[in-house]
Protein backbone atom coordinates (compact mmCIF):
# COMPACT_ATOMS: atom_id res chain seq x y z
CA UNK A 1 -39.42 -40.81 -53.66
CA UNK A 2 -37.58 -37.94 -55.34
CA UNK A 3 -33.92 -37.97 -56.00
CA UNK A 4 -31.33 -35.86 -57.87
CA UNK A 5 -27.92 -36.78 -59.41
CA UNK A 6 -25.16 -34.66 -60.81
CA UNK A 7 -21.61 -35.64 -61.97
CA UNK A 8 -19.16 -33.18 -63.00
CA UNK A 9 -15.39 -33.33 -64.06
CA UNK A 10 -12.88 -31.50 -61.69
CA UNK A 11 -11.50 -28.97 -64.04
CA UNK A 12 -10.27 -25.62 -64.32
CA UNK A 13 -13.13 -22.95 -64.92
CA UNK A 14 -13.68 -19.59 -64.02
CA UNK A 15 -15.20 -19.66 -60.58
CA UNK A 16 -15.90 -16.10 -60.72
CA UNK A 17 -18.75 -16.51 -63.17
CA UNK A 18 -20.42 -18.86 -60.54
CA UNK A 19 -20.01 -16.70 -57.36
CA UNK A 20 -23.49 -15.78 -57.27
CA UNK A 21 -24.33 -19.58 -56.88
CA UNK A 22 -21.95 -20.52 -54.22
CA UNK A 23 -21.33 -18.77 -50.93
CA UNK A 24 -17.99 -18.02 -49.55
CA UNK A 25 -18.99 -19.93 -46.30
CA UNK A 26 -19.93 -23.09 -48.32
CA UNK A 27 -16.58 -23.10 -50.07
CA UNK A 28 -14.80 -22.27 -46.78
CA UNK A 29 -16.57 -25.39 -45.15
CA UNK A 30 -15.11 -27.60 -47.80
CA UNK A 31 -11.61 -26.02 -47.94
CA UNK A 32 -11.31 -26.52 -44.16
CA UNK A 33 -11.88 -30.36 -44.62
CA UNK A 34 -8.94 -30.37 -46.94
CA UNK A 35 -10.14 -29.92 -50.40
CA UNK A 36 -8.41 -27.72 -52.93
CA UNK A 37 -10.45 -24.74 -54.24
CA UNK A 38 -11.40 -26.43 -57.58
CA UNK A 39 -12.61 -29.68 -55.80
CA UNK A 40 -14.45 -27.57 -52.97
CA UNK A 41 -16.20 -25.52 -55.80
CA UNK A 42 -17.15 -28.89 -57.79
CA UNK A 43 -18.52 -30.48 -54.86
CA UNK A 44 -20.69 -27.45 -53.74
CA UNK A 45 -21.81 -27.15 -57.36
CA UNK A 46 -22.93 -30.97 -57.71
CA UNK A 47 -24.68 -30.84 -54.23
CA UNK A 48 -26.65 -27.94 -55.24
CA UNK A 49 -27.45 -28.88 -58.88
CA UNK A 50 -28.56 -32.48 -57.59
CA UNK A 51 -30.78 -30.88 -55.06
CA UNK A 52 -32.26 -28.65 -57.74
CA UNK A 53 -33.11 -31.89 -59.86
CA UNK A 54 -34.51 -33.61 -56.67
CA UNK A 55 -37.05 -30.77 -56.15
CA UNK A 56 -37.77 -30.62 -59.83
CA UNK A 57 -36.49 -27.05 -60.40
CA UNK A 58 -33.41 -27.52 -62.36
CA UNK A 59 -31.10 -24.58 -62.94
CA UNK A 60 -34.21 -22.07 -62.86
CA UNK A 61 -33.92 -21.88 -59.11
CA UNK A 62 -31.90 -19.01 -57.19
CA UNK A 63 -29.07 -21.31 -55.91
CA UNK A 64 -28.93 -19.32 -52.64
CA UNK A 65 -32.24 -20.92 -51.90
CA UNK A 66 -30.18 -24.37 -51.94
CA UNK A 67 -28.09 -23.21 -48.99
CA UNK A 68 -25.58 -25.89 -47.46
CA UNK A 69 -26.06 -26.16 -43.88
CA UNK A 70 -23.18 -28.67 -43.11
CA UNK A 71 -21.06 -31.43 -44.69
CA UNK A 72 -19.06 -34.22 -42.98
CA UNK A 73 -17.24 -37.35 -44.10
CA UNK A 74 -18.89 -40.83 -43.60
CA UNK A 75 -16.18 -43.52 -43.11
CA UNK A 76 -13.73 -41.68 -45.13
CA UNK A 77 -15.53 -42.90 -48.33
CA UNK A 78 -18.21 -40.21 -48.94
CA UNK A 79 -19.51 -36.85 -47.75
CA UNK A 80 -22.85 -36.21 -46.25
CA UNK A 81 -24.45 -32.93 -46.57
CA UNK A 82 -27.57 -31.21 -44.98
CA UNK A 83 -29.22 -28.39 -46.13
CA UNK A 84 -30.33 -25.13 -44.47
CA UNK A 85 -33.87 -24.90 -46.04
CA UNK A 86 -34.63 -28.30 -47.66
CA UNK A 87 -34.20 -30.30 -44.34
CA UNK A 88 -36.01 -33.40 -45.63
CA UNK A 89 -33.13 -34.17 -48.03
CA UNK A 90 -29.43 -35.00 -47.76
CA UNK A 91 -26.68 -35.30 -50.41
CA UNK A 92 -24.16 -38.14 -50.57
CA UNK A 93 -21.01 -37.26 -52.57
CA UNK A 94 -17.98 -39.39 -53.80
CA UNK A 95 -14.73 -38.14 -55.53
CA UNK A 96 -13.49 -40.81 -57.94
CA UNK A 97 -10.39 -39.81 -59.84
CA UNK A 98 -11.21 -36.57 -61.43
CA UNK A 99 -15.00 -36.53 -60.99
CA UNK A 100 -17.42 -35.73 -58.27
CA UNK A 101 -20.77 -37.37 -58.08
CA UNK A 102 -23.48 -35.95 -55.83
CA UNK A 103 -26.71 -37.88 -55.06
CA UNK A 104 -29.58 -35.91 -53.32
CA UNK A 105 -32.17 -38.22 -51.47
CA UNK A 106 -34.95 -38.17 -48.70
CA UNK A 107 -33.11 -37.62 -45.49
CA UNK A 108 -34.86 -40.70 -44.12
CA UNK A 109 -33.17 -43.14 -46.31
CA UNK A 110 -30.44 -44.76 -44.18
CA UNK A 111 -28.72 -47.08 -46.41
CA UNK A 112 -27.19 -46.84 -49.86
CA UNK A 113 -25.55 -49.72 -51.88
CA UNK A 114 -23.17 -48.39 -54.39
CA UNK A 115 -21.57 -50.98 -56.63
């Protein structure tokens, strides 16, 4: 099966340079869940970049095509994200210290073991 992974450090960056890749509603959905703006941006970025890898287009795709539909916490350990257009995939994201890791996998996979 296809999968995509992206890991990014949560660090200061000029978010304005990436506004065309991340919609205000996508950022707002993570801000409403209690994340600061830098962490929210990093989550959205890693989720979209991991999806672009799973569908084998990388950064060549218009990121608006990778629109996030909804995200929610699973057992307070990770976030699950669903996509507006790529409904056959889901993202699982973790925050560990100063890094965000997002893994995009087929939606029908029910169990992931992380060690």
